[in-house]
């Protein structure tokens, strides 16, 4: 008999689940709720290339997931004797560190007392390419999950490429004929034609702007949830656009009220355009290159209503995350907060913004959290008292960030958050 290979399995749950959701929701559900079934498929060596299938003993079974988004699926993997590693979101935009934690654990596996013959990485994230190359240099076999749009370098770096649709049909039991009937006509590069989804993109744009108006902002990892309610979304590869960013390009062309905040080269969230936002459809979440951390806030003039010029507003946002609201919207927010019961506000940081505030959940949460941390009686007084406390937290946050505001900066901040000083009547 052929001796089974000793294997270690590492699963980026969020990545695999959402990728399967694009193909067929039934496959995603089966993956999440019946891990023992597809684990048997892997242990039988069904993912081997060619006719020779060599069995495996999967000695390490690690599943990395975001517990806030997928806590209900956690128990299924625990019951199947998986080691579930919680990778919670580290930012307000929902980004976690699952890929980094996976990479460290995989590289640690090279030094494990048990010599693993094969590392199986269930993720189609091309960022794992350097990890695959390191495993190859250490004479280890590798198997990864791939899709039609997976980078060529990622495919070439592994020994066994597990096609996502093959995995769905063979390992997850998806009916192949039924799956093909549900798929749109494909073009030569295995992606649906974008032209065939023109009406769907219009509908997607309408739905997305409605959801953003309702909730204030939508994180990138949640955008697919808006579209999965549409019948033709499954298997459409973002309605023929291939990537989420390409689809958002088209949607923002149709809905000028929206703006996309970027995390590096990737969309982080979609929100309503603010008064201080630039004309472009994207806003970077990182400090501009060539802007040293020791730079002071850029000099700025103030508009007649007290709102600083966009360049100043952007600097404050990039340094400490303070909302890029107009002076009028800040005043309206403070008026609403001053009228709301203090005990409700103490619980409102992660809740929808107070009724009538006219700002996003994130913006309201930032202001409420800043006030909560400023003093025990943070919500006592009128709107001017709240604005004054928030101003002090902004100035202190800028100082803590290594950008203490100058006297001219303080004057601009006061006009912005407190309102222009009223001239004495003669």
Protein backbone atom coordinates (compact mmCIF):
# COMPACT_ATOMS: atom_id res chain seq x y z
CA UNK A 1 0.00 0.00 0.00
CA UNK A 2 1.08 3.59 -0.67
CA UNK A 3 2.14 5.36 2.51
CA UNK A 4 -0.12 8.40 3.12
CA UNK A 5 1.47 11.82 2.87
CA UNK A 6 1.64 13.84 6.06
CA UNK A 7 -0.21 17.09 5.37
CA UNK A 8 -0.93 20.39 7.13
CA UNK A 9 -4.09 22.27 6.15
CA UNK A 10 -4.49 26.06 6.46
CA UNK A 11 -7.81 27.69 5.56
CA UNK A 12 -8.57 31.38 5.05
CA UNK A 13 -12.28 30.91 5.74
CA UNK A 14 -13.39 34.41 4.74
CA UNK A 15 -11.58 34.20 1.40
CA UNK A 16 -12.86 30.72 0.48
CA UNK A 17 -16.42 31.28 1.65
CA UNK A 18 -16.82 34.56 -0.25
CA UNK A 19 -15.18 33.09 -3.37
CA UNK A 20 -17.59 30.14 -3.31
CA UNK A 21 -20.46 32.54 -2.76
CA UNK A 22 -19.60 34.06 -6.13
CA UNK A 23 -19.94 30.64 -7.77
CA UNK A 24 -22.96 29.26 -5.93
CA UNK A 25 -24.44 30.03 -2.53
CA UNK A 26 -25.15 26.33 -1.97
CA UNK A 27 -21.47 25.47 -2.30
CA UNK A 28 -20.52 28.18 0.21
CA UNK A 29 -23.05 26.86 2.72
CA UNK A 30 -21.80 23.28 2.32
CA UNK A 31 -18.19 24.40 2.78
CA UNK A 32 -19.12 26.26 5.98
CA UNK A 33 -21.37 23.61 7.52
CA UNK A 34 -19.91 20.27 6.38
CA UNK A 35 -16.12 20.50 6.66
CA UNK A 36 -15.77 16.77 7.37
CA UNK A 37 -17.19 15.98 3.93
CA UNK A 38 -14.66 17.97 1.88
CA UNK A 39 -11.86 17.05 4.27
CA UNK A 40 -12.44 13.41 3.26
CA UNK A 41 -12.03 14.50 -0.38
CA UNK A 42 -8.64 16.05 0.42
CA UNK A 43 -7.49 13.09 2.51
CA UNK A 44 -8.33 10.77 -0.38
CA UNK A 45 -5.89 12.78 -2.51
CA UNK A 46 -8.58 13.67 -5.03
CA UNK A 47 -6.87 17.00 -5.63
CA UNK A 48 -3.76 15.31 -7.04
CA UNK A 49 -2.95 16.09 -10.66
CA UNK A 50 -3.22 13.16 -13.07
CA UNK A 51 -4.58 9.69 -12.37
CA UNK A 52 -2.43 8.81 -9.38
CA UNK A 53 -4.23 9.75 -6.16
CA UNK A 54 -2.15 9.40 -3.01
CA UNK A 55 -3.95 9.46 0.36
CA UNK A 56 -3.15 12.05 3.04
CA UNK A 57 -3.13 12.23 6.79
CA UNK A 58 -4.12 15.81 7.55
CA UNK A 59 -2.30 16.18 10.87
CA UNK A 60 -2.75 19.95 11.25
CA UNK A 61 -6.15 21.50 10.52
CA UNK A 62 -6.16 25.26 11.03
CA UNK A 63 -9.09 27.48 10.09
CA UNK A 64 -8.70 31.28 10.29
CA UNK A 65 -11.89 33.33 10.40
CA UNK A 66 -13.38 36.63 11.47
CA UNK A 67 -15.54 35.75 14.51
CA UNK A 68 -17.70 38.85 14.16
CA UNK A 69 -18.79 37.98 10.64
CA UNK A 70 -18.73 34.16 10.79
CA UNK A 71 -19.21 33.18 14.44
CA UNK A 72 -22.12 30.90 13.51
CA UNK A 73 -19.87 28.77 11.30
CA UNK A 74 -17.19 28.35 13.96
CA UNK A 75 -18.91 25.42 15.71
CA UNK A 76 -19.02 23.30 12.53
CA UNK A 77 -15.24 23.38 12.25
CA UNK A 78 -14.72 22.80 15.96
CA UNK A 79 -16.84 19.65 15.75
CA UNK A 80 -14.74 18.43 12.81
CA UNK A 81 -11.58 18.64 15.00
CA UNK A 82 -10.27 21.84 13.41
CA UNK A 83 -8.21 24.35 15.34
CA UNK A 84 -10.14 27.59 14.75
CA UNK A 85 -8.04 30.73 15.04
CA UNK A 86 -10.09 33.88 15.50
CA UNK A 87 -8.84 36.78 13.41
CA UNK A 88 -11.07 39.71 14.39
CA UNK A 89 -11.21 42.95 12.46
CA UNK A 90 -8.40 45.31 13.46
CA UNK A 91 -9.79 48.43 11.80
CA UNK A 92 -13.15 50.15 11.59
CA UNK A 93 -13.30 49.02 7.96
CA UNK A 94 -13.30 45.34 8.94
CA UNK A 95 -9.79 44.45 7.78
CA UNK A 96 -8.21 41.59 9.72
CA UNK A 97 -4.79 39.93 9.76
CA UNK A 98 -5.76 36.37 8.80
CA UNK A 99 -3.34 36.21 5.87
CA UNK A 100 -0.38 37.36 7.98
CA UNK A 101 -1.20 34.95 10.83
CA UNK A 102 -1.57 32.12 8.32
CA UNK A 103 1.76 32.95 6.68
CA UNK A 104 3.56 32.91 10.04
CA UNK A 105 1.99 29.60 11.06
CA UNK A 106 2.80 28.02 7.69
CA UNK A 107 6.45 29.05 7.92
CA UNK A 108 6.60 27.82 11.52
CA UNK A 109 5.34 24.49 10.18
CA UNK A 110 8.61 24.01 8.28
CA UNK A 111 10.39 23.70 11.64
CA UNK A 112 7.71 21.47 13.21
CA UNK A 113 9.03 18.22 14.80
CA UNK A 114 6.75 16.34 12.39
CA UNK A 115 7.97 16.74 8.86
CA UNK A 116 4.91 17.65 6.80
CA UNK A 117 5.20 16.38 3.23
CA UNK A 118 2.50 18.73 1.95
CA UNK A 119 1.04 22.11 2.88
CA UNK A 120 -2.53 22.63 1.67
CA UNK A 121 -3.52 26.30 1.60
CA UNK A 122 -7.19 26.94 0.95
CA UNK A 123 -7.01 30.53 -0.21
CA UNK A 124 -6.90 32.13 -3.64
CA UNK A 125 -5.00 35.16 -2.32
CA UNK A 126 -1.93 35.66 -4.51
CA UNK A 127 -0.17 37.29 -1.54
CA UNK A 128 0.76 33.75 -0.47
CA UNK A 129 3.04 33.34 -3.52
CA UNK A 130 6.27 34.09 -1.54
CA UNK A 131 5.18 31.53 1.08
CA UNK A 132 4.76 28.90 -1.63
CA UNK A 133 8.21 29.66 -2.98
CA UNK A 134 9.72 29.28 0.49
CA UNK A 135 7.96 25.90 0.92
CA UNK A 136 9.26 24.75 -2.45
CA UNK A 137 12.80 25.74 -1.45
CA UNK A 138 12.37 23.52 1.63
CA UNK A 139 11.32 20.56 -0.55
CA UNK A 140 7.66 20.53 0.50
CA UNK A 141 4.66 19.83 -1.73
CA UNK A 142 2.00 22.52 -1.89
CA UNK A 143 -1.64 22.66 -2.96
CA UNK A 144 -3.70 25.85 -3.24
CA UNK A 145 -7.19 26.90 -4.25
CA UNK A 146 -7.42 28.83 -7.53
CA UNK A 147 -10.12 30.49 -9.62
CA UNK A 148 -10.40 31.71 -13.20
CA UNK A 149 -8.88 35.08 -12.26
CA UNK A 150 -6.05 33.79 -10.06
CA UNK A 151 -2.65 35.30 -10.88
CA UNK A 152 -0.49 33.06 -13.08
CA UNK A 153 2.49 33.37 -10.71
CA UNK A 154 0.38 31.98 -7.86
CA UNK A 155 -0.61 28.95 -9.95
CA UNK A 156 2.94 28.26 -11.04
CA UNK A 157 4.31 28.45 -7.49
CA UNK A 158 2.32 25.43 -6.27
CA UNK A 159 2.45 21.69 -7.06
CA UNK A 160 -1.32 21.10 -7.11
CA UNK A 161 -3.84 23.71 -8.19
CA UNK A 162 -7.35 23.02 -6.86
CA UNK A 163 -9.78 24.74 -9.21
CA UNK A 164 -12.55 26.46 -7.24
CA UNK A 165 -15.35 25.09 -9.42
CA UNK A 166 -13.88 21.58 -9.34
CA UNK A 167 -13.72 21.85 -5.56
CA UNK A 168 -17.36 22.96 -5.47
CA UNK A 169 -18.54 20.08 -7.67
CA UNK A 170 -16.34 17.21 -6.44
CA UNK A 171 -15.61 18.06 -2.80
CA UNK A 172 -18.82 19.93 -1.95
CA UNK A 173 -21.20 17.82 -4.00
CA UNK A 174 -22.54 20.60 -6.20
CA UNK A 175 -24.47 19.15 -9.16
CA UNK A 176 -22.31 19.90 -12.21
CA UNK A 177 -25.14 19.99 -14.76
CA UNK A 178 -27.31 22.18 -12.56
CA UNK A 179 -24.35 24.47 -11.90
CA UNK A 180 -23.65 24.87 -15.63
CA UNK A 181 -27.29 25.67 -16.34
CA UNK A 182 -27.18 28.45 -13.77
CA UNK A 183 -24.05 30.08 -15.24
CA UNK A 184 -24.11 32.85 -17.88
CA UNK A 185 -22.39 32.51 -21.24
CA UNK A 186 -18.63 32.82 -20.81
CA UNK A 187 -16.08 34.62 -22.94
CA UNK A 188 -12.65 33.32 -23.87
CA UNK A 189 -10.96 34.32 -20.59
CA UNK A 190 -13.60 32.41 -18.59
CA UNK A 191 -15.31 35.60 -17.44
CA UNK A 192 -18.88 36.59 -18.35
CA UNK A 193 -19.29 39.44 -20.81
CA UNK A 194 -19.78 42.77 -19.05
CA UNK A 195 -22.13 43.96 -21.81
CA UNK A 196 -24.66 41.29 -20.85
CA UNK A 197 -24.94 42.79 -17.35
CA UNK A 198 -25.61 46.45 -18.23
CA UNK A 199 -29.08 46.44 -16.67
CA UNK A 200 -27.81 44.53 -13.63
CA UNK A 201 -25.10 47.13 -13.01
CA UNK A 202 -27.75 49.87 -13.09
CA UNK A 203 -29.79 47.94 -10.53
CA UNK A 204 -26.68 47.22 -8.42
CA UNK A 205 -25.85 50.94 -8.38
CA UNK A 206 -29.37 51.78 -7.25
CA UNK A 207 -29.31 49.17 -4.49
CA UNK A 208 -25.86 50.17 -3.24
CA UNK A 209 -26.71 53.86 -2.95
CA UNK A 210 -29.92 52.97 -1.09
CA UNK A 211 -27.97 50.84 1.41
CA UNK A 212 -25.31 53.52 1.90
CA UNK A 213 -28.00 56.14 2.55
CA UNK A 214 -29.59 53.79 5.04
CA UNK A 215 -26.44 52.77 6.96
CA UNK A 216 -24.02 55.62 6.25
CA UNK A 217 -21.27 53.42 4.80
CA UNK A 218 -20.68 49.88 3.52
CA UNK A 219 -17.34 48.12 4.10
CA UNK A 220 -15.85 46.40 1.05
CA UNK A 221 -16.22 42.91 2.53
CA UNK A 222 -19.97 43.55 2.98
CA UNK A 223 -20.70 44.94 -0.48
CA UNK A 224 -21.29 41.47 -1.92
CA UNK A 225 -24.16 41.05 0.58
CA UNK A 226 -25.98 43.89 -1.14
CA UNK A 227 -25.65 42.19 -4.53
CA UNK A 228 -26.34 38.56 -3.52
CA UNK A 229 -30.04 39.45 -3.37
CA UNK A 230 -29.87 39.90 -7.13
CA UNK A 231 -30.61 36.70 -9.05
CA UNK A 232 -27.86 37.06 -11.68
CA UNK A 233 -25.03 37.98 -9.31
CA UNK A 234 -23.89 34.42 -8.54
CA UNK A 235 -21.08 33.40 -10.88
CA UNK A 236 -21.09 36.77 -12.65
CA UNK A 237 -17.55 37.77 -11.55
CA UNK A 238 -18.80 41.12 -10.28
CA UNK A 239 -21.26 41.49 -13.19
CA UNK A 240 -18.57 40.80 -15.76
CA UNK A 241 -16.19 43.45 -14.39
CA UNK A 242 -13.82 40.87 -12.89
CA UNK A 243 -13.01 42.81 -9.70
CA UNK A 244 -14.90 44.77 -7.08
CA UNK A 245 -12.88 47.90 -7.86
CA UNK A 246 -13.81 47.75 -11.57
CA UNK A 247 -17.48 47.36 -10.67
CA UNK A 248 -17.30 50.29 -8.24
CA UNK A 249 -15.73 52.40 -11.00
CA UNK A 250 -18.83 51.84 -13.09
CA UNK A 251 -21.26 52.29 -10.20
CA UNK A 252 -19.78 55.59 -9.04
CA UNK A 253 -20.01 56.88 -12.61
CA UNK A 254 -23.76 56.29 -12.34
CA UNK A 255 -24.15 57.46 -8.73
CA UNK A 256 -22.15 60.63 -8.20
CA UNK A 257 -23.35 60.84 -4.59
CA UNK A 258 -21.01 57.95 -3.71
CA UNK A 259 -17.31 58.02 -2.99
CA UNK A 260 -14.90 55.11 -2.42
CA UNK A 261 -12.34 55.17 0.37
CA UNK A 262 -9.23 53.20 -0.57
CA UNK A 263 -6.95 51.09 1.60
CA UNK A 264 -3.81 51.14 -0.52
CA UNK A 265 -4.87 49.88 -3.96
CA UNK A 266 -8.04 48.17 -2.70
CA UNK A 267 -11.49 49.59 -1.91
CA UNK A 268 -12.06 49.83 1.84
CA UNK A 269 -15.59 51.19 1.98
CA UNK A 270 -18.23 53.10 0.06
CA UNK A 271 -19.96 56.10 1.62
CA UNK A 272 -21.86 59.23 0.69
CA UNK A 273 -19.83 62.09 -0.72
CA UNK A 274 -19.16 64.83 1.82
CA UNK A 275 -18.87 68.57 1.34
CA UNK A 276 -15.09 68.44 1.80
CA UNK A 277 -14.48 65.47 -0.52
CA UNK A 278 -12.47 65.96 -3.73
CA UNK A 279 -14.05 65.66 -7.16
CA UNK A 280 -12.44 62.26 -7.82
CA UNK A 281 -14.32 59.05 -6.99
CA UNK A 282 -11.57 57.74 -4.69
CA UNK A 283 -10.15 58.95 -1.38
CA UNK A 284 -6.89 57.46 -0.12
CA UNK A 285 -6.76 56.20 3.46
CA UNK A 286 -2.98 56.54 3.73
CA UNK A 287 -0.80 59.60 4.12
CA UNK A 288 0.45 60.83 0.74
CA UNK A 289 3.92 59.62 -0.22
CA UNK A 290 6.55 62.22 0.46
CA UNK A 291 4.59 63.67 3.38
CA UNK A 292 6.97 63.16 6.33
CA UNK A 293 5.46 62.41 9.71
CA UNK A 294 7.12 65.56 11.04
CA UNK A 295 5.22 67.87 8.66
CA UNK A 296 2.87 70.36 10.27
CA UNK A 297 -0.71 70.73 9.11
CA UNK A 298 -0.84 72.46 5.76
CA UNK A 299 -1.71 76.14 5.80
CA UNK A 300 -5.32 76.74 4.92
CA UNK A 301 -7.94 79.38 4.47
CA UNK A 302 -11.46 79.03 5.83
CA UNK A 303 -14.72 79.28 3.96
CA UNK A 304 -17.39 81.75 5.02
CA UNK A 305 -19.35 79.13 6.99
CA UNK A 306 -16.27 78.11 8.98
CA UNK A 307 -15.39 74.99 6.96
CA UNK A 308 -11.63 74.79 6.25
CA UNK A 309 -10.40 74.19 2.74
CA UNK A 310 -10.48 70.48 1.74
CA UNK A 311 -6.71 70.16 2.05
CA UNK A 312 -6.80 70.99 5.75
CA UNK A 313 -9.81 68.75 6.35
CA UNK A 314 -8.06 65.85 4.60
CA UNK A 315 -4.93 66.31 6.71
CA UNK A 316 -6.90 66.12 9.96
CA UNK A 317 -8.77 63.05 8.73
CA UNK A 318 -5.61 61.26 7.63
CA UNK A 319 -3.79 62.03 10.88
CA UNK A 320 -6.48 61.16 13.44
CA UNK A 321 -9.60 60.04 11.54
CA UNK A 322 -11.78 63.03 12.46
CA UNK A 323 -14.83 63.12 10.14
CA UNK A 324 -14.59 65.29 7.05
CA UNK A 325 -17.85 67.13 7.70
CA UNK A 326 -18.72 70.70 6.87
CA UNK A 327 -18.97 73.16 9.75
CA UNK A 328 -22.77 73.17 9.36
CA UNK A 329 -22.98 69.38 9.62
CA UNK A 330 -20.79 69.35 12.73
CA UNK A 331 -23.07 71.93 14.34
CA UNK A 332 -26.14 69.89 13.43
CA UNK A 333 -24.55 66.77 14.90
CA UNK A 334 -23.70 68.52 18.17
CA UNK A 335 -27.27 69.88 18.39
CA UNK A 336 -28.70 66.36 18.04
CA UNK A 337 -26.23 64.90 20.54
CA UNK A 338 -27.01 67.62 23.08
CA UNK A 339 -30.71 66.70 22.96
CA UNK A 340 -30.17 62.92 23.15
CA UNK A 341 -30.17 61.15 26.54
CA UNK A 342 -26.60 60.67 27.77
CA UNK A 343 -27.15 57.01 28.74
CA UNK A 344 -28.23 56.22 25.17
CA UNK A 345 -25.17 57.92 23.72
CA UNK A 346 -22.85 55.86 25.92
CA UNK A 347 -24.18 52.78 24.12
CA UNK A 348 -24.34 54.34 20.67
CA UNK A 349 -20.76 54.09 19.44
CA UNK A 350 -21.52 51.03 17.28
CA UNK A 351 -25.20 51.80 16.70
CA UNK A 352 -26.85 53.78 13.90
CA UNK A 353 -26.30 57.53 14.26
CA UNK A 354 -28.89 59.43 16.31
CA UNK A 355 -31.97 60.36 14.34
CA UNK A 356 -31.62 63.69 12.59
CA UNK A 357 -27.82 63.79 12.80
CA UNK A 358 -27.45 63.53 9.02
CA UNK A 359 -24.04 61.83 9.20
CA UNK A 360 -22.75 58.29 8.68
CA UNK A 361 -22.45 55.65 11.38
CA UNK A 362 -18.67 55.95 11.32
CA UNK A 363 -18.68 59.75 11.68
CA UNK A 364 -21.18 59.73 14.53
CA UNK A 365 -19.30 56.90 16.25
CA UNK A 366 -16.00 58.79 16.06
CA UNK A 367 -17.46 61.92 17.67
CA UNK A 368 -19.40 60.01 20.35
CA UNK A 369 -16.39 57.85 21.23
CA UNK A 370 -14.14 60.93 21.43
CA UNK A 371 -16.58 62.66 23.76
CA UNK A 372 -17.03 59.52 25.88
CA UNK A 373 -13.28 59.35 26.49
CA UNK A 374 -12.92 63.07 27.17
CA UNK A 375 -14.68 63.28 30.54
CA UNK A 376 -17.16 61.52 32.84
CA UNK A 377 -19.74 64.24 32.18
CA UNK A 378 -18.94 64.43 28.46
CA UNK A 379 -22.57 64.77 27.33
CA UNK A 380 -23.69 67.39 29.83
CA UNK A 381 -24.37 70.90 28.57
CA UNK A 382 -25.53 72.35 25.27
CA UNK A 383 -24.23 71.83 21.76
CA UNK A 384 -21.49 74.43 22.26
CA UNK A 385 -20.17 72.58 25.34
CA UNK A 386 -20.03 69.32 23.35
CA UNK A 387 -18.30 71.04 20.46
CA UNK A 388 -15.72 72.58 22.79
CA UNK A 389 -14.95 69.19 24.38
CA UNK A 390 -14.63 67.58 20.97
CA UNK A 391 -12.28 70.37 19.85
CA UNK A 392 -9.99 69.64 22.79
CA UNK A 393 -9.92 65.91 21.94
CA UNK A 394 -9.01 66.76 18.33
CA UNK A 395 -6.18 69.05 19.40
CA UNK A 396 -4.86 66.44 21.84
CA UNK A 397 -5.10 63.66 19.22
CA UNK A 398 -3.13 65.76 16.74
CA UNK A 399 -0.48 66.36 19.39
CA UNK A 400 -0.33 62.63 20.20
CA UNK A 401 0.08 61.92 16.48
CA UNK A 402 3.17 64.13 16.38
CA UNK A 403 1.43 67.10 14.74
CA UNK A 404 0.70 69.62 17.50
CA UNK A 405 -1.51 72.32 15.95
CA UNK A 406 -0.03 75.77 15.60
CA UNK A 407 -1.92 78.88 16.74
CA UNK A 408 -3.23 79.40 13.20
CA UNK A 409 -4.27 75.72 13.06
CA UNK A 410 -6.14 76.13 16.36
CA UNK A 411 -7.98 79.15 15.00
CA UNK A 412 -9.05 77.16 11.93
CA UNK A 413 -10.17 74.24 14.10
CA UNK A 414 -12.17 76.57 16.35
CA UNK A 415 -13.95 78.16 13.38
CA UNK A 416 -14.66 74.70 11.98
CA UNK A 417 -15.93 72.96 15.11
CA UNK A 418 -17.20 75.86 17.25
CA UNK A 419 -18.30 78.25 14.56
CA UNK A 420 -16.97 81.68 13.55
CA UNK A 421 -16.88 84.25 16.31
CA UNK A 422 -19.83 86.60 16.14
CA UNK A 423 -19.00 90.26 15.89
CA UNK A 424 -20.21 92.46 18.75
CA UNK A 425 -23.12 94.69 17.80
CA UNK A 426 -22.27 98.33 17.77
